[in-house]
């Protein structure tokens, strides 16, 4: 009986730690220079779907749209100079 309780406790521990890791991985890109943008309507009424964007800074060469960079969410290569 005691060994069965130990096995159950171990299984629950593994399941809960896996769930925490999975939850953490879903946001792994957001802490490295990008952020999520919520869906919103523009002044003209056009709806913009939720998306990810690079964090603002003083350079444009590290944006996903710049040539030589790849958007990690879509896999698209940058085209802007």
PDB file of N, CA and C in Angstrom:
ATOM      1  N   UNK A   1       0.825  -1.193   0.000  1.00  0.00           N
ATOM      2  CA  UNK A   1       0.000   0.000   0.000  1.00  0.00           C
ATOM      3  C   UNK A   1       0.869   1.256   0.000  1.00  0.00           C
ATOM      4  N   UNK A   2       1.915   1.247   0.838  1.00  0.00           N
ATOM      5  CA  UNK A   2       2.792   2.403   0.936  1.00  0.00           C
ATOM      6  C   UNK A   2       3.508   2.651  -0.389  1.00  0.00           C
ATOM      7  N   UNK A   3       3.944   1.579  -1.056  1.00  0.00           N
ATOM      8  CA  UNK A   3       4.641   1.747  -2.334  1.00  0.00           C
ATOM      9  C   UNK A   3       3.691   2.259  -3.419  1.00  0.00           C
ATOM     10  N   UNK A   4       2.428   1.885  -3.348  1.00  0.00           N
ATOM     11  CA  UNK A   4       1.451   2.377  -4.321  1.00  0.00           C
ATOM     12  C   UNK A   4       1.251   3.882  -4.156  1.00  0.00           C
ATOM     13  N   UNK A   5       1.228   4.359  -2.926  1.00  0.00           N
ATOM     14  CA  UNK A   5       1.095   5.791  -2.681  1.00  0.00           C
ATOM     15  C   UNK A   5       2.317   6.553  -3.191  1.00  0.00           C
ATOM     16  N   UNK A   6       3.484   5.973  -3.031  1.00  0.00           N
ATOM     17  CA  UNK A   6       4.711   6.609  -3.522  1.00  0.00           C
ATOM     18  C   UNK A   6       4.678   6.712  -5.044  1.00  0.00           C
ATOM     19  N   UNK A   7       4.240   5.657  -5.708  1.00  0.00           N
ATOM     20  CA  UNK A   7       4.154   5.661  -7.170  1.00  0.00           C
ATOM     21  C   UNK A   7       3.151   6.720  -7.640  1.00  0.00           C
ATOM     22  N   UNK A   8       2.011   6.797  -6.988  1.00  0.00           N
ATOM     23  CA  UNK A   8       0.995   7.789  -7.355  1.00  0.00           C
ATOM     24  C   UNK A   8       1.526   9.206  -7.135  1.00  0.00           C
ATOM     25  N   UNK A   9       2.181   9.429  -6.004  1.00  0.00           N
ATOM     26  CA  UNK A   9       2.736  10.757  -5.717  1.00  0.00           C
ATOM     27  C   UNK A   9       3.795  11.137  -6.747  1.00  0.00           C
ATOM     28  N   UNK A  10       4.635  10.190  -7.129  1.00  0.00           N
ATOM     29  CA  UNK A  10       5.662  10.462  -8.136  1.00  0.00           C
ATOM     30  C   UNK A  10       5.023  10.784  -9.486  1.00  0.00           C
ATOM     31  N   UNK A  11       3.994  10.034  -9.863  1.00  0.00           N
ATOM     32  CA  UNK A  11       3.313  10.278 -11.138  1.00  0.00           C
ATOM     33  C   UNK A  11       2.666  11.660 -11.152  1.00  0.00           C
ATOM     34  N   UNK A  12       2.041  12.042 -10.056  1.00  0.00           N
ATOM     35  CA  UNK A  12       1.434  13.376  -9.974  1.00  0.00           C
ATOM     36  C   UNK A  12       2.497  14.467 -10.050  1.00  0.00           C
ATOM     37  N   UNK A  13       3.631  14.237  -9.422  1.00  0.00           N
ATOM     38  CA  UNK A  13       4.722  15.210  -9.471  1.00  0.00           C
ATOM     39  C   UNK A  13       5.253  15.392 -10.876  1.00  0.00           C
ATOM     40  N   UNK A  14       5.398  14.299 -11.598  1.00  0.00           N
ATOM     41  CA  UNK A  14       5.890  14.374 -12.984  1.00  0.00           C
ATOM     42  C   UNK A  14       4.872  15.091 -13.859  1.00  0.00           C
ATOM     43  N   UNK A  15       3.595  14.756 -13.703  1.00  0.00           N
ATOM     44  CA  UNK A  15       2.554  15.395 -14.515  1.00  0.00           C
ATOM     45  C   UNK A  15       2.486  16.894 -14.259  1.00  0.00           C
ATOM     46  N   UNK A  16       2.548  17.299 -13.005  1.00  0.00           N
ATOM     47  CA  UNK A  16       2.435  18.730 -12.709  1.00  0.00           C
ATOM     48  C   UNK A  16       3.673  19.489 -13.159  1.00  0.00           C
ATOM     49  N   UNK A  17       4.865  18.900 -13.057  1.00  0.00           N
ATOM     50  CA  UNK A  17       6.065  19.603 -13.521  1.00  0.00           C
ATOM     51  C   UNK A  17       6.081  19.696 -15.040  1.00  0.00           C
ATOM     52  N   UNK A  18       5.553  18.698 -15.727  1.00  0.00           N
ATOM     53  CA  UNK A  18       5.462  18.745 -17.188  1.00  0.00           C
ATOM     54  C   UNK A  18       4.497  19.837 -17.619  1.00  0.00           C
ATOM     55  N   UNK A  19       3.395  19.992 -16.917  1.00  0.00           N
ATOM     56  CA  UNK A  19       2.427  21.036 -17.248  1.00  0.00           C
ATOM     57  C   UNK A  19       3.038  22.419 -17.062  1.00  0.00           C
ATOM     58  N   UNK A  20       3.831  22.596 -16.018  1.00  0.00           N
ATOM     59  CA  UNK A  20       4.485  23.884 -15.785  1.00  0.00           C
ATOM     60  C   UNK A  20       5.479  24.170 -16.895  1.00  0.00           C
ATOM     61  N   UNK A  21       6.256  23.186 -17.299  1.00  0.00           N
ATOM     62  CA  UNK A  21       7.221  23.384 -18.377  1.00  0.00           C
ATOM     63  C   UNK A  21       6.515  23.706 -19.682  1.00  0.00           C
ATOM     64  N   UNK A  22       5.440  23.018 -19.964  1.00  0.00           N
ATOM     65  CA  UNK A  22       4.711  23.267 -21.202  1.00  0.00           C
ATOM     66  C   UNK A  22       4.146  24.681 -21.214  1.00  0.00           C
ATOM     67  N   UNK A  23       3.632  25.122 -20.088  1.00  0.00           N
ATOM     68  CA  UNK A  23       3.093  26.479 -20.013  1.00  0.00           C
ATOM     69  C   UNK A  23       4.209  27.496 -20.203  1.00  0.00           C
ATOM     70  N   UNK A  24       5.352  27.273 -19.590  1.00  0.00           N
ATOM     71  CA  UNK A  24       6.470  28.190 -19.735  1.00  0.00           C
ATOM     72  C   UNK A  24       6.976  28.259 -21.158  1.00  0.00           C
ATOM     73  N   UNK A  25       6.987  27.157 -21.861  1.00  0.00           N
ATOM     74  CA  UNK A  25       7.486  27.144 -23.228  1.00  0.00           C
ATOM     75  C   UNK A  25       6.582  27.884 -24.190  1.00  0.00           C
ATOM     76  N   UNK A  26       5.321  28.018 -23.882  1.00  0.00           N
ATOM     77  CA  UNK A  26       4.421  28.704 -24.803  1.00  0.00           C
ATOM     78  C   UNK A  26       4.716  30.196 -24.886  1.00  0.00           C
ATOM     79  N   UNK A  27       5.447  30.716 -23.922  1.00  0.00           N
ATOM     80  CA  UNK A  27       5.774  32.135 -23.918  1.00  0.00           C
ATOM     81  C   UNK A  27       7.269  32.365 -24.041  1.00  0.00           C
ATOM     82  N   UNK A  28       8.009  31.385 -24.487  1.00  0.00           N
ATOM     83  CA  UNK A  28       9.459  31.500 -24.479  1.00  0.00           C
ATOM     84  C   UNK A  28       9.964  32.601 -25.384  1.00  0.00           C
ATOM     85  N   UNK A  29       9.251  32.923 -26.469  1.00  0.00           N
ATOM     86  CA  UNK A  29       9.720  33.952 -27.392  1.00  0.00           C
ATOM     87  C   UNK A  29       9.470  35.357 -26.866  1.00  0.00           C
ATOM     88  N   UNK A  30       8.555  35.494 -25.941  1.00  0.00           N
ATOM     89  CA  UNK A  30       8.160  36.830 -25.526  1.00  0.00           C
ATOM     90  C   UNK A  30       9.196  37.518 -24.660  1.00  0.00           C
ATOM     91  N   UNK A  31      10.155  36.802 -24.108  1.00  0.00           N
ATOM     92  CA  UNK A  31      11.104  37.433 -23.205  1.00  0.00           C
ATOM     93  C   UNK A  31      12.439  37.740 -23.864  1.00  0.00           C
ATOM     94  N   UNK A  32      12.592  37.530 -25.152  1.00  0.00           N
ATOM     95  CA  UNK A  32      13.887  37.728 -25.762  1.00  0.00           C
ATOM     96  C   UNK A  32      13.958  38.869 -26.750  1.00  0.00           C
ATOM     97  N   UNK A  33      13.147  39.868 -26.634  1.00  0.00           N
ATOM     98  CA  UNK A  33      13.196  40.968 -27.575  1.00  0.00           C
ATOM     99  C   UNK A  33      11.928  41.121 -28.378  1.00  0.00           C
ATOM    100  N   UNK A  34      10.877  40.446 -27.953  1.00  0.00           N
ATOM    101  CA  UNK A  34       9.601  40.583 -28.646  1.00  0.00           C
ATOM    102  C   UNK A  34       8.473  40.634 -27.628  1.00  0.00           C
ATOM    103  N   UNK A  35       7.313  41.018 -28.101  1.00  0.00           N
ATOM    104  CA  UNK A  35       6.142  41.090 -27.244  1.00  0.00           C
ATOM    105  C   UNK A  35       4.893  40.764 -28.053  1.00  0.00           C
ATOM    106  N   UNK A  36       3.827  40.421 -27.343  1.00  0.00           N
ATOM    107  CA  UNK A  36       2.547  40.132 -27.993  1.00  0.00           C
ATOM    108  C   UNK A  36       1.752  41.420 -28.139  1.00  0.00           C
ATOM    109  N   UNK A  37       1.055  41.540 -29.258  1.00  0.00           N
ATOM    110  CA  UNK A  37       0.183  42.687 -29.502  1.00  0.00           C
ATOM    111  C   UNK A  37      -1.241  42.148 -29.606  1.00  0.00           C
ATOM    112  N   UNK A  38      -2.136  42.673 -28.797  1.00  0.00           N
ATOM    113  CA  UNK A  38      -3.533  42.227 -28.813  1.00  0.00           C
ATOM    114  C   UNK A  38      -4.238  42.693 -30.080  1.00  0.00           C
ATOM    115  N   UNK A  39      -5.261  41.967 -30.463  1.00  0.00           N
ATOM    116  CA  UNK A  39      -6.069  42.386 -31.598  1.00  0.00           C
ATOM    117  C   UNK A  39      -6.744  43.717 -31.287  1.00  0.00           C
ATOM    118  N   UNK A  40      -6.854  44.571 -32.288  1.00  0.00           N
ATOM    119  CA  UNK A  40      -7.447  45.891 -32.076  1.00  0.00           C
ATOM    120  C   UNK A  40      -7.958  46.463 -33.393  1.00  0.00           C
ATOM    121  N   UNK A  41      -8.749  47.506 -33.290  1.00  0.00           N
ATOM    122  CA  UNK A  41      -9.250  48.208 -34.478  1.00  0.00           C
ATOM    123  C   UNK A  41      -8.477  49.510 -34.645  1.00  0.00           C
ATOM    124  N   UNK A  42      -8.127  49.841 -35.883  1.00  0.00           N
ATOM    125  CA  UNK A  42      -7.446  51.099 -36.173  1.00  0.00           C
ATOM    126  C   UNK A  42      -8.465  52.237 -36.200  1.00  0.00           C
ATOM    127  N   UNK A  43      -7.977  53.470 -36.342  1.00  0.00           N
ATOM    128  CA  UNK A  43      -8.880  54.630 -36.417  1.00  0.00           C
ATOM    129  C   UNK A  43      -9.872  54.498 -37.564  1.00  0.00           C
ATOM    130  N   UNK A  44      -9.412  53.877 -38.658  1.00  0.00           N
ATOM    131  CA  UNK A  44     -10.296  53.732 -39.826  1.00  0.00           C
ATOM    132  C   UNK A  44     -11.270  52.569 -39.684  1.00  0.00           C
ATOM    133  N   UNK A  45     -11.151  51.804 -38.591  1.00  0.00           N
ATOM    134  CA  UNK A  45     -12.064  50.698 -38.361  1.00  0.00           C
ATOM    135  C   UNK A  45     -11.554  49.349 -38.821  1.00  0.00           C
ATOM    136  N   UNK A  46     -10.351  49.306 -39.391  1.00  0.00           N
ATOM    137  CA  UNK A  46      -9.767  48.039 -39.836  1.00  0.00           C
ATOM    138  C   UNK A  46      -9.332  47.228 -38.627  1.00  0.00           C
ATOM    139  N   UNK A  47      -9.709  45.957 -38.604  1.00  0.00           N
ATOM    140  CA  UNK A  47      -9.312  45.083 -37.499  1.00  0.00           C
ATOM    141  C   UNK A  47      -7.923  44.520 -37.756  1.00  0.00           C
ATOM    142  N   UNK A  48      -7.055  44.619 -36.753  1.00  0.00           N
ATOM    143  CA  UNK A  48      -5.712  44.051 -36.820  1.00  0.00           C
ATOM    144  C   UNK A  48      -5.694  42.853 -35.879  1.00  0.00           C
ATOM    145  N   UNK A  49      -5.386  41.672 -36.417  1.00  0.00           N
ATOM    146  CA  UNK A  49      -5.372  40.440 -35.625  1.00  0.00           C
ATOM    147  C   UNK A  49      -4.225  40.463 -34.615  1.00  0.00           C
ATOM    148  N   UNK A  50      -4.350  39.711 -33.513  1.00  0.00           N
ATOM    149  CA  UNK A  50      -3.248  39.618 -32.554  1.00  0.00           C
ATOM    150  C   UNK A  50      -1.989  39.096 -33.248  1.00  0.00           C
ATOM    151  N   UNK A  51      -0.836  39.607 -32.820  1.00  0.00           N
ATOM    152  CA  UNK A  51       0.426  39.198 -33.434  1.00  0.00           C
ATOM    153  C   UNK A  51       1.584  39.472 -32.486  1.00  0.00           C
ATOM    154  N   UNK A  52       2.786  39.108 -32.902  1.00  0.00           N
ATOM    155  CA  UNK A  52       4.006  39.378 -32.142  1.00  0.00           C
ATOM    156  C   UNK A  52       4.788  40.467 -32.856  1.00  0.00           C
ATOM    157  N   UNK A  53       5.521  41.268 -32.090  1.00  0.00           N
ATOM    158  CA  UNK A  53       6.344  42.326 -32.666  1.00  0.00           C
ATOM    159  C   UNK A  53       7.659  42.404 -31.902  1.00  0.00           C
ATOM    160  N   UNK A  54       8.708  42.868 -32.578  1.00  0.00           N
ATOM    161  CA  UNK A  54       9.982  43.078 -31.887  1.00  0.00           C
ATOM    162  C   UNK A  54       9.837  44.280 -30.966  1.00  0.00           C
ATOM    163  N   UNK A  55      10.600  44.265 -29.875  1.00  0.00           N
ATOM    164  CA  UNK A  55      10.563  45.388 -28.945  1.00  0.00           C
ATOM    165  C   UNK A  55      11.196  46.616 -29.588  1.00  0.00           C
ATOM    166  N   UNK A  56      10.658  47.795 -29.320  1.00  0.00           N
ATOM    167  CA  UNK A  56      11.217  49.007 -29.915  1.00  0.00           C
ATOM    168  C   UNK A  56      12.626  49.287 -29.396  1.00  0.00           C
ATOM    169  N   UNK A  57      13.480  49.769 -30.288  1.00  0.00           N
ATOM    170  CA  UNK A  57      14.818  50.213 -29.908  1.00  0.00           C
ATOM    171  C   UNK A  57      15.298  51.215 -30.953  1.00  0.00           C
ATOM    172  N   UNK A  58      16.565  51.589 -30.897  1.00  0.00           N
ATOM    173  CA  UNK A  58      17.061  52.650 -31.780  1.00  0.00           C
ATOM    174  C   UNK A  58      17.569  52.150 -33.128  1.00  0.00           C
ATOM    175  N   UNK A  59      17.468  50.865 -33.402  1.00  0.00           N
ATOM    176  CA  UNK A  59      17.948  50.325 -34.670  1.00  0.00           C
ATOM    177  C   UNK A  59      16.840  49.575 -35.395  1.00  0.00           C
ATOM    178  N   UNK A  60      16.920  49.539 -36.707  1.00  0.00           N
ATOM    179  CA  UNK A  60      15.948  48.782 -37.496  1.00  0.00           C
ATOM    180  C   UNK A  60      16.541  47.467 -37.997  1.00  0.00           C
ATOM    181  N   UNK A  61      17.861  47.298 -37.870  1.00  0.00           N
ATOM    182  CA  UNK A  61      18.518  46.125 -38.453  1.00  0.00           C
ATOM    183  C   UNK A  61      18.211  44.826 -37.719  1.00  0.00           C
ATOM    184  N   UNK A  62      17.654  44.898 -36.514  1.00  0.00           N
ATOM    185  CA  UNK A  62      17.327  43.664 -35.798  1.00  0.00           C
ATOM    186  C   UNK A  62      15.837  43.331 -35.840  1.00  0.00           C
ATOM    187  N   UNK A  63      15.062  44.090 -36.600  1.00  0.00           N
ATOM    188  CA  UNK A  63      13.640  43.779 -36.756  1.00  0.00           C
ATOM    189  C   UNK A  63      13.468  42.583 -37.683  1.00  0.00           C
ATOM    190  N   UNK A  64      12.412  41.811 -37.489  1.00  0.00           N
ATOM    191  CA  UNK A  64      12.189  40.602 -38.291  1.00  0.00           C
ATOM    192  C   UNK A  64      11.990  40.918 -39.760  1.00  0.00           C
ATOM    193  N   UNK A  65      11.525  42.121 -40.076  1.00  0.00           N
ATOM    194  CA  UNK A  65      11.265  42.464 -41.473  1.00  0.00           C
ATOM    195  C   UNK A  65      12.535  42.877 -42.224  1.00  0.00           C
ATOM    196  N   UNK A  66      13.642  43.061 -41.521  1.00  0.00           N
ATOM    197  CA  UNK A  66      14.899  43.483 -42.152  1.00  0.00           C
ATOM    198  C   UNK A  66      15.572  42.295 -42.839  1.00  0.00           C
ATOM    199  N   UNK A  67      16.186  42.543 -44.013  1.00  0.00           N
ATOM    200  CA  UNK A  67      16.889  41.476 -44.748  1.00  0.00           C
ATOM    201  C   UNK A  67      17.924  40.815 -43.848  1.00  0.00           C
ATOM    202  N   UNK A  68      17.998  39.502 -43.938  1.00  0.00           N
ATOM    203  CA  UNK A  68      18.941  38.737 -43.133  1.00  0.00           C
ATOM    204  C   UNK A  68      18.345  38.203 -41.847  1.00  0.00           C
ATOM    205  N   UNK A  69      17.158  38.653 -41.486  1.00  0.00           N
ATOM    206  CA  UNK A  69      16.479  38.177 -40.285  1.00  0.00           C
ATOM    207  C   UNK A  69      15.274  37.327 -40.672  1.00  0.00           C
ATOM    208  N   UNK A  70      14.882  36.437 -39.766  1.00  0.00           N
ATOM    209  CA  UNK A  70      13.733  35.559 -39.995  1.00  0.00           C
ATOM    210  C   UNK A  70      12.781  35.691 -38.816  1.00  0.00           C
ATOM    211  N   UNK A  71      11.499  35.868 -39.109  1.00  0.00           N
ATOM    212  CA  UNK A  71      10.485  35.928 -38.068  1.00  0.00           C
ATOM    213  C   UNK A  71      10.350  34.533 -37.458  1.00  0.00           C
ATOM    214  N   UNK A  72      10.645  34.365 -36.152  1.00  0.00           N
ATOM    215  CA  UNK A  72      10.592  33.032 -35.535  1.00  0.00           C
ATOM    216  C   UNK A  72       9.184  32.464 -35.424  1.00  0.00           C
ATOM    217  N   UNK A  73       8.167  33.297 -35.542  1.00  0.00           N
ATOM    218  CA  UNK A  73       6.786  32.831 -35.424  1.00  0.00           C
ATOM    219  C   UNK A  73       6.215  32.374 -36.760  1.00  0.00           C
ATOM    220  N   UNK A  74       6.613  33.040 -37.856  1.00  0.00           N
ATOM    221  CA  UNK A  74       6.044  32.717 -39.165  1.00  0.00           C
ATOM    222  C   UNK A  74       7.028  32.022 -40.088  1.00  0.00           C
ATOM    223  N   UNK A  75       8.333  32.159 -39.820  1.00  0.00           N
ATOM    224  CA  UNK A  75       9.354  31.584 -40.692  1.00  0.00           C
ATOM    225  C   UNK A  75       9.651  32.448 -41.907  1.00  0.00           C
ATOM    226  N   UNK A  76       8.994  33.615 -42.027  1.00  0.00           N
ATOM    227  CA  UNK A  76       9.212  34.498 -43.176  1.00  0.00           C
ATOM    228  C   UNK A  76      10.547  35.225 -43.039  1.00  0.00           C
ATOM    229  N   UNK A  77      11.258  35.333 -44.166  1.00  0.00           N
ATOM    230  CA  UNK A  77      12.512  36.081 -44.191  1.00  0.00           C
ATOM    231  C   UNK A  77      12.211  37.561 -44.382  1.00  0.00           C
ATOM    232  N   UNK A  78      13.062  38.412 -43.802  1.00  0.00           N
ATOM    233  CA  UNK A  78      12.900  39.852 -43.942  1.00  0.00           C
ATOM    234  C   UNK A  78      13.198  40.315 -45.355  1.00  0.00           C
ATOM    235  N   UNK A  79      12.537  41.377 -45.785  1.00  0.00           N
ATOM    236  CA  UNK A  79      12.707  41.892 -47.145  1.00  0.00           C
ATOM    237  C   UNK A  79      13.144  43.349 -47.175  1.00  0.00           C
ATOM    238  N   UNK A  80      13.064  44.057 -46.064  1.00  0.00           N
ATOM    239  CA  UNK A  80      13.373  45.490 -46.049  1.00  0.00           C
ATOM    240  C   UNK A  80      14.866  45.724 -45.876  1.00  0.00           C
ATOM    241  N   UNK A  81      15.354  46.804 -46.502  1.00  0.00           N
ATOM    242  CA  UNK A  81      16.776  47.165 -46.409  1.00  0.00           C
ATOM    243  C   UNK A  81      17.041  47.927 -45.146  1.00  0.00           C
TER     244      UNK A  81
END
